[in-house]
Amino acid sequence: MSHHTKHSRFGGREERLANMRDAMYPGGVVVDPVPITAGEEITILYNGLLSSSGADQVYLHCGYGSSNAWNNVQSIKMDKTERGWVKKFTVNDSSRLNICFKDSANNWDNNNGINWSFEIHDGTRV
């Protein structure tokens, strides 16, 4: 049985992206579910600057660790949907998740230089 959305704030598969989009988070970035737990799948929805500038492709640029020294850095092609650019992936690190975005013309959205950074839990609830 899959339980990767067990603590989603945005509901099941059908309404999830619509609800994430409607939340209108600052910078156009919504991560669900939070808190992020190592080993679980998360969904990232992006409707930020690159989206509004008409980018033909957006990439999720992400890494783990401290905000100024990322590890396991990768750029992942996002999927364009009517709700915005979306990527699902499994978090396989328990430090911090750091993300920003770029388009195919190498324009970046890095949240005014501070990126987006999320604490990752190891699966134990306190």
N, C-alpha and C. Protein backbone atom coordinates (compact mmCIF):
# COMPACT_ATOMS: atom_id res chain seq x y z
N MET A 1 0.84 -1.18 0.00
CA MET A 1 0.00 0.00 0.00
C MET A 1 0.88 1.25 0.00
N SER A 2 0.60 2.15 -0.90
CA SER A 2 1.37 3.39 -0.97
C SER A 2 0.84 4.38 0.06
N HIS A 3 1.76 5.03 0.77
CA HIS A 3 1.34 5.98 1.79
C HIS A 3 2.11 7.29 1.67
N HIS A 4 2.61 7.59 0.45
CA HIS A 4 3.49 8.74 0.32
C HIS A 4 2.76 10.08 0.46
N THR A 5 1.44 10.10 0.44
CA THR A 5 0.73 11.37 0.63
C THR A 5 -0.04 11.35 1.94
N LYS A 6 0.41 10.52 2.89
CA LYS A 6 -0.38 10.33 4.10
C LYS A 6 -0.57 11.60 4.92
N HIS A 7 0.34 12.56 4.82
CA HIS A 7 0.13 13.79 5.56
C HIS A 7 0.10 15.01 4.64
N SER A 8 -0.42 14.79 3.43
CA SER A 8 -0.61 15.90 2.51
C SER A 8 -1.62 16.88 3.08
N ARG A 9 -1.30 18.17 2.96
CA ARG A 9 -2.25 19.20 3.38
C ARG A 9 -3.24 19.52 2.27
N PHE A 10 -3.03 18.94 1.10
CA PHE A 10 -3.78 19.38 -0.07
C PHE A 10 -4.71 18.32 -0.66
N GLY A 11 -4.84 17.18 0.01
CA GLY A 11 -5.82 16.20 -0.44
C GLY A 11 -5.25 15.15 -1.38
N GLY A 12 -6.16 14.39 -1.98
CA GLY A 12 -5.81 13.28 -2.84
C GLY A 12 -5.35 13.73 -4.21
N ARG A 13 -5.07 12.77 -5.06
CA ARG A 13 -4.45 13.02 -6.35
C ARG A 13 -5.24 14.00 -7.21
N GLU A 14 -6.54 13.86 -7.27
CA GLU A 14 -7.33 14.68 -8.18
C GLU A 14 -7.30 16.16 -7.83
N GLU A 15 -7.50 16.48 -6.57
CA GLU A 15 -7.57 17.88 -6.18
C GLU A 15 -6.26 18.45 -5.68
N ARG A 16 -5.26 17.62 -5.53
CA ARG A 16 -4.03 18.05 -4.87
C ARG A 16 -3.34 19.21 -5.58
N LEU A 17 -3.09 19.09 -6.90
CA LEU A 17 -2.39 20.17 -7.61
C LEU A 17 -3.21 21.44 -7.64
N ALA A 18 -4.52 21.31 -7.81
CA ALA A 18 -5.38 22.49 -7.81
C ALA A 18 -5.29 23.21 -6.47
N ASN A 19 -5.34 22.47 -5.39
CA ASN A 19 -5.27 23.07 -4.07
C ASN A 19 -3.89 23.66 -3.79
N MET A 20 -2.84 23.00 -4.29
CA MET A 20 -1.49 23.54 -4.12
C MET A 20 -1.38 24.87 -4.87
N ARG A 21 -1.92 24.90 -6.10
CA ARG A 21 -1.86 26.11 -6.91
C ARG A 21 -2.66 27.24 -6.25
N ASP A 22 -3.83 26.91 -5.73
CA ASP A 22 -4.70 27.91 -5.12
C ASP A 22 -4.12 28.48 -3.83
N ALA A 23 -3.15 27.77 -3.24
CA ALA A 23 -2.57 28.24 -1.98
C ALA A 23 -1.75 29.51 -2.18
N MET A 24 -1.27 29.76 -3.41
CA MET A 24 -0.54 30.99 -3.75
C MET A 24 0.59 31.28 -2.77
N TYR A 25 1.48 30.32 -2.58
CA TYR A 25 2.60 30.49 -1.66
C TYR A 25 3.56 31.56 -2.18
N PRO A 26 4.25 32.25 -1.29
CA PRO A 26 5.23 33.27 -1.70
C PRO A 26 6.28 32.68 -2.64
N GLY A 27 6.55 33.37 -3.72
CA GLY A 27 7.54 32.91 -4.69
C GLY A 27 7.00 31.86 -5.62
N GLY A 28 5.75 31.43 -5.43
CA GLY A 28 5.15 30.45 -6.31
C GLY A 28 5.67 29.04 -6.11
N VAL A 29 6.19 28.74 -4.92
CA VAL A 29 6.75 27.42 -4.66
C VAL A 29 5.96 26.74 -3.54
N VAL A 30 5.41 25.57 -3.85
CA VAL A 30 4.68 24.79 -2.84
C VAL A 30 5.29 23.40 -2.80
N VAL A 31 5.62 22.95 -1.59
CA VAL A 31 6.16 21.60 -1.38
C VAL A 31 5.17 20.85 -0.51
N ASP A 32 4.84 19.63 -0.91
CA ASP A 32 3.88 18.83 -0.16
C ASP A 32 4.29 17.37 -0.23
N PRO A 33 4.22 16.60 0.84
CA PRO A 33 3.80 17.06 2.17
C PRO A 33 4.98 17.64 2.96
N VAL A 34 4.66 18.49 3.90
CA VAL A 34 5.61 18.96 4.90
C VAL A 34 5.01 18.67 6.27
N PRO A 35 5.78 18.34 7.28
CA PRO A 35 7.24 18.28 7.19
C PRO A 35 7.71 17.17 6.25
N ILE A 36 8.84 17.44 5.60
CA ILE A 36 9.43 16.46 4.68
C ILE A 36 10.10 15.37 5.50
N THR A 37 9.83 14.12 5.12
CA THR A 37 10.42 12.98 5.80
C THR A 37 11.33 12.23 4.84
N ALA A 38 12.53 11.92 5.28
CA ALA A 38 13.48 11.16 4.46
C ALA A 38 12.84 9.85 4.03
N GLY A 39 13.02 9.50 2.75
CA GLY A 39 12.49 8.26 2.22
C GLY A 39 11.09 8.39 1.65
N GLU A 40 10.47 9.54 1.79
CA GLU A 40 9.12 9.73 1.27
C GLU A 40 9.13 10.55 -0.02
N GLU A 41 8.10 10.36 -0.82
CA GLU A 41 7.96 11.12 -2.05
C GLU A 41 7.31 12.46 -1.75
N ILE A 42 7.86 13.52 -2.34
CA ILE A 42 7.26 14.84 -2.21
C ILE A 42 6.89 15.35 -3.60
N THR A 43 6.00 16.32 -3.63
CA THR A 43 5.62 17.00 -4.86
C THR A 43 6.01 18.46 -4.73
N ILE A 44 6.68 18.98 -5.74
CA ILE A 44 7.02 20.40 -5.78
C ILE A 44 6.26 21.02 -6.95
N LEU A 45 5.52 22.08 -6.65
CA LEU A 45 4.78 22.84 -7.66
C LEU A 45 5.42 24.22 -7.75
N TYR A 46 5.74 24.63 -8.98
CA TYR A 46 6.40 25.92 -9.19
C TYR A 46 5.58 26.80 -10.12
N ASN A 47 5.25 27.98 -9.65
CA ASN A 47 4.55 28.99 -10.44
C ASN A 47 5.22 30.34 -10.25
N GLY A 48 6.53 30.35 -10.20
CA GLY A 48 7.27 31.58 -9.90
C GLY A 48 7.61 32.40 -11.12
N LEU A 49 8.68 33.18 -11.00
CA LEU A 49 9.08 34.14 -12.04
C LEU A 49 9.27 33.51 -13.41
N LEU A 50 9.91 32.37 -13.47
CA LEU A 50 10.19 31.75 -14.76
C LEU A 50 8.91 31.28 -15.42
N SER A 51 7.97 30.84 -14.61
CA SER A 51 6.68 30.38 -15.12
C SER A 51 5.93 31.55 -15.75
N SER A 52 5.95 32.70 -15.08
CA SER A 52 5.21 33.85 -15.59
C SER A 52 5.92 34.51 -16.78
N SER A 53 7.20 34.19 -16.99
CA SER A 53 7.91 34.77 -18.13
C SER A 53 7.78 33.90 -19.37
N GLY A 54 7.00 32.84 -19.28
CA GLY A 54 6.73 32.00 -20.45
C GLY A 54 7.81 31.01 -20.80
N ALA A 55 8.56 30.54 -19.81
CA ALA A 55 9.62 29.56 -20.07
C ALA A 55 9.05 28.32 -20.75
N ASP A 56 9.79 27.79 -21.74
CA ASP A 56 9.33 26.59 -22.42
C ASP A 56 9.67 25.33 -21.64
N GLN A 57 10.63 25.43 -20.72
CA GLN A 57 10.98 24.30 -19.86
C GLN A 57 11.57 24.85 -18.57
N VAL A 58 11.17 24.25 -17.45
CA VAL A 58 11.72 24.63 -16.16
C VAL A 58 12.38 23.41 -15.53
N TYR A 59 13.52 23.63 -14.91
CA TYR A 59 14.26 22.58 -14.23
C TYR A 59 14.32 22.88 -12.74
N LEU A 60 14.09 21.85 -11.94
CA LEU A 60 14.27 21.93 -10.50
C LEU A 60 15.74 21.68 -10.22
N HIS A 61 16.41 22.65 -9.62
CA HIS A 61 17.82 22.51 -9.25
C HIS A 61 17.84 22.29 -7.75
N CYS A 62 18.34 21.15 -7.31
CA CYS A 62 18.23 20.82 -5.89
C CYS A 62 19.48 20.15 -5.37
N GLY A 63 19.62 20.22 -4.06
CA GLY A 63 20.74 19.58 -3.39
C GLY A 63 20.42 19.47 -1.91
N TYR A 64 21.28 18.77 -1.19
CA TYR A 64 21.06 18.52 0.23
C TYR A 64 22.20 19.10 1.05
N GLY A 65 21.91 19.41 2.30
CA GLY A 65 22.94 19.90 3.21
C GLY A 65 22.73 21.35 3.57
N SER A 66 23.81 22.02 3.97
CA SER A 66 23.69 23.41 4.39
C SER A 66 23.37 24.29 3.18
N SER A 67 22.77 25.43 3.45
CA SER A 67 22.30 26.28 2.36
C SER A 67 23.44 26.84 1.50
N ASN A 68 24.67 26.85 2.01
CA ASN A 68 25.78 27.38 1.22
C ASN A 68 26.77 26.31 0.76
N ALA A 69 26.45 25.04 0.96
CA ALA A 69 27.32 23.96 0.50
C ALA A 69 26.46 22.74 0.18
N TRP A 70 25.84 22.75 -1.00
CA TRP A 70 24.91 21.68 -1.38
C TRP A 70 25.67 20.41 -1.76
N ASN A 71 25.09 19.26 -1.41
CA ASN A 71 25.59 17.96 -1.82
C ASN A 71 24.57 17.30 -2.74
N ASN A 72 25.02 16.31 -3.52
CA ASN A 72 24.13 15.56 -4.42
C ASN A 72 23.29 16.50 -5.27
N VAL A 73 23.95 17.51 -5.85
CA VAL A 73 23.24 18.52 -6.63
C VAL A 73 22.80 17.94 -7.97
N GLN A 74 21.57 18.24 -8.35
CA GLN A 74 21.06 17.80 -9.64
C GLN A 74 20.04 18.78 -10.18
N SER A 75 19.92 18.80 -11.50
CA SER A 75 18.86 19.56 -12.16
C SER A 75 17.91 18.55 -12.78
N ILE A 76 16.64 18.68 -12.44
CA ILE A 76 15.63 17.70 -12.85
C ILE A 76 14.58 18.40 -13.69
N LYS A 77 14.32 17.87 -14.86
CA LYS A 77 13.30 18.43 -15.75
C LYS A 77 11.93 18.33 -15.08
N MET A 78 11.20 19.45 -15.03
CA MET A 78 9.87 19.46 -14.43
C MET A 78 8.82 19.25 -15.52
N ASP A 79 7.63 18.85 -15.12
CA ASP A 79 6.54 18.62 -16.05
C ASP A 79 5.59 19.80 -16.04
N LYS A 80 5.24 20.28 -17.23
CA LYS A 80 4.31 21.41 -17.33
C LYS A 80 2.88 20.89 -17.20
N THR A 81 2.11 21.49 -16.31
CA THR A 81 0.70 21.14 -16.14
C THR A 81 -0.10 22.43 -16.18
N GLU A 82 -1.40 22.30 -16.21
CA GLU A 82 -2.24 23.51 -16.20
C GLU A 82 -2.14 24.24 -14.87
N ARG A 83 -1.61 23.59 -13.85
CA ARG A 83 -1.45 24.22 -12.52
C ARG A 83 -0.08 24.85 -12.34
N GLY A 84 0.86 24.52 -13.20
CA GLY A 84 2.22 25.01 -13.06
C GLY A 84 3.20 23.89 -13.37
N TRP A 85 4.46 24.12 -13.07
CA TRP A 85 5.52 23.13 -13.29
C TRP A 85 5.59 22.23 -12.07
N VAL A 86 5.62 20.92 -12.30
CA VAL A 86 5.51 19.95 -11.21
C VAL A 86 6.62 18.91 -11.31
N LYS A 87 7.14 18.52 -10.15
CA LYS A 87 8.06 17.39 -10.08
C LYS A 87 7.83 16.64 -8.80
N LYS A 88 7.74 15.31 -8.90
CA LYS A 88 7.66 14.44 -7.74
C LYS A 88 8.97 13.66 -7.66
N PHE A 89 9.48 13.53 -6.45
CA PHE A 89 10.66 12.70 -6.27
C PHE A 89 10.76 12.27 -4.81
N THR A 90 11.56 11.24 -4.60
CA THR A 90 11.75 10.72 -3.25
C THR A 90 12.96 11.39 -2.61
N VAL A 91 12.77 11.91 -1.42
CA VAL A 91 13.84 12.56 -0.67
C VAL A 91 14.70 11.46 -0.04
N ASN A 92 15.97 11.41 -0.42
CA ASN A 92 16.84 10.31 0.03
C ASN A 92 17.98 10.80 0.90
N ASP A 93 17.73 11.86 1.64
CA ASP A 93 18.76 12.44 2.50
C ASP A 93 18.03 12.97 3.72
N SER A 94 18.71 13.07 4.84
CA SER A 94 18.02 13.53 6.05
C SER A 94 18.60 14.84 6.58
N SER A 95 19.32 15.59 5.73
CA SER A 95 19.89 16.86 6.20
C SER A 95 18.91 17.99 5.91
N ARG A 96 19.12 18.77 4.85
CA ARG A 96 18.20 19.80 4.40
C ARG A 96 18.03 19.70 2.90
N LEU A 97 16.85 20.02 2.42
CA LEU A 97 16.60 20.08 0.98
C LEU A 97 16.66 21.54 0.55
N ASN A 98 17.52 21.84 -0.41
CA ASN A 98 17.66 23.19 -0.95
C ASN A 98 17.26 23.16 -2.42
N ILE A 99 16.42 24.11 -2.83
CA ILE A 99 15.95 24.10 -4.21
C ILE A 99 15.96 25.51 -4.79
N CYS A 100 16.11 25.56 -6.11
CA CYS A 100 15.86 26.75 -6.89
C CYS A 100 15.47 26.26 -8.28
N PHE A 101 15.30 27.16 -9.21
CA PHE A 101 14.75 26.79 -10.51
C PHE A 101 15.49 27.52 -11.62
N LYS A 102 15.56 26.88 -12.79
CA LYS A 102 16.14 27.53 -13.97
C LYS A 102 15.34 27.11 -15.19
N ASP A 103 15.43 27.92 -16.25
CA ASP A 103 14.76 27.54 -17.48
C ASP A 103 15.79 27.13 -18.53
N SER A 104 15.32 26.78 -19.72
CA SER A 104 16.23 26.26 -20.75
C SER A 104 17.16 27.34 -21.30
N ALA A 105 16.86 28.63 -21.05
CA ALA A 105 17.74 29.73 -21.46
C ALA A 105 18.71 30.11 -20.34
N ASN A 106 18.75 29.30 -19.29
CA ASN A 106 19.64 29.52 -18.15
C ASN A 106 19.30 30.77 -17.34
N ASN A 107 18.03 31.15 -17.34
CA ASN A 107 17.53 32.15 -16.40
C ASN A 107 17.21 31.44 -15.10
N TRP A 108 17.54 32.07 -13.98
CA TRP A 108 17.38 31.42 -12.68
C TRP A 108 16.35 32.13 -11.82
N ASP A 109 15.66 31.37 -11.00
CA ASP A 109 14.84 31.91 -9.92
C ASP A 109 15.37 31.27 -8.64
N ASN A 110 16.14 32.05 -7.88
CA ASN A 110 16.76 31.52 -6.67
C ASN A 110 16.25 32.26 -5.42
N ASN A 111 15.00 32.77 -5.51
CA ASN A 111 14.37 33.41 -4.35
C ASN A 111 15.23 34.58 -3.85
N ASN A 112 15.60 35.44 -4.80
CA ASN A 112 16.44 36.61 -4.47
C ASN A 112 17.75 36.23 -3.78
N GLY A 113 18.33 35.11 -4.22
CA GLY A 113 19.64 34.72 -3.73
C GLY A 113 19.65 33.81 -2.52
N ILE A 114 18.48 33.55 -1.92
CA ILE A 114 18.48 32.71 -0.71
C ILE A 114 17.92 31.30 -0.97
N ASN A 115 17.45 31.05 -2.20
CA ASN A 115 16.88 29.75 -2.55
C ASN A 115 15.71 29.40 -1.63
N TRP A 116 15.26 28.18 -1.71
CA TRP A 116 14.24 27.67 -0.79
C TRP A 116 14.87 26.50 -0.06
N SER A 117 14.73 26.45 1.25
CA SER A 117 15.40 25.45 2.05
C SER A 117 14.41 24.83 3.03
N PHE A 118 14.42 23.51 3.12
CA PHE A 118 13.45 22.79 3.94
C PHE A 118 14.15 21.79 4.85
N GLU A 119 13.73 21.76 6.09
CA GLU A 119 14.22 20.77 7.02
C GLU A 119 13.66 19.41 6.62
N ILE A 120 14.48 18.38 6.81
CA ILE A 120 14.05 17.00 6.53
C ILE A 120 14.08 16.22 7.82
N HIS A 121 13.00 15.51 8.10
CA HIS A 121 12.93 14.69 9.30
C HIS A 121 13.33 13.26 8.98
N ASP A 122 13.75 12.56 10.00
CA ASP A 122 14.22 11.17 9.79
C ASP A 122 13.12 10.14 9.93
N GLY A 123 11.89 10.58 10.11
CA GLY A 123 10.78 9.65 10.18
C GLY A 123 10.27 9.45 11.59
N THR A 124 10.99 9.92 12.57
CA THR A 124 10.50 9.78 13.95
C THR A 124 9.70 11.03 14.30
N ARG A 125 8.55 10.83 14.88
CA ARG A 125 7.69 11.95 15.25
C ARG A 125 7.95 12.31 16.70
N VAL A 126 8.07 13.59 16.97
CA VAL A 126 8.29 14.03 18.34
C VAL A 126 7.05 14.68 18.90
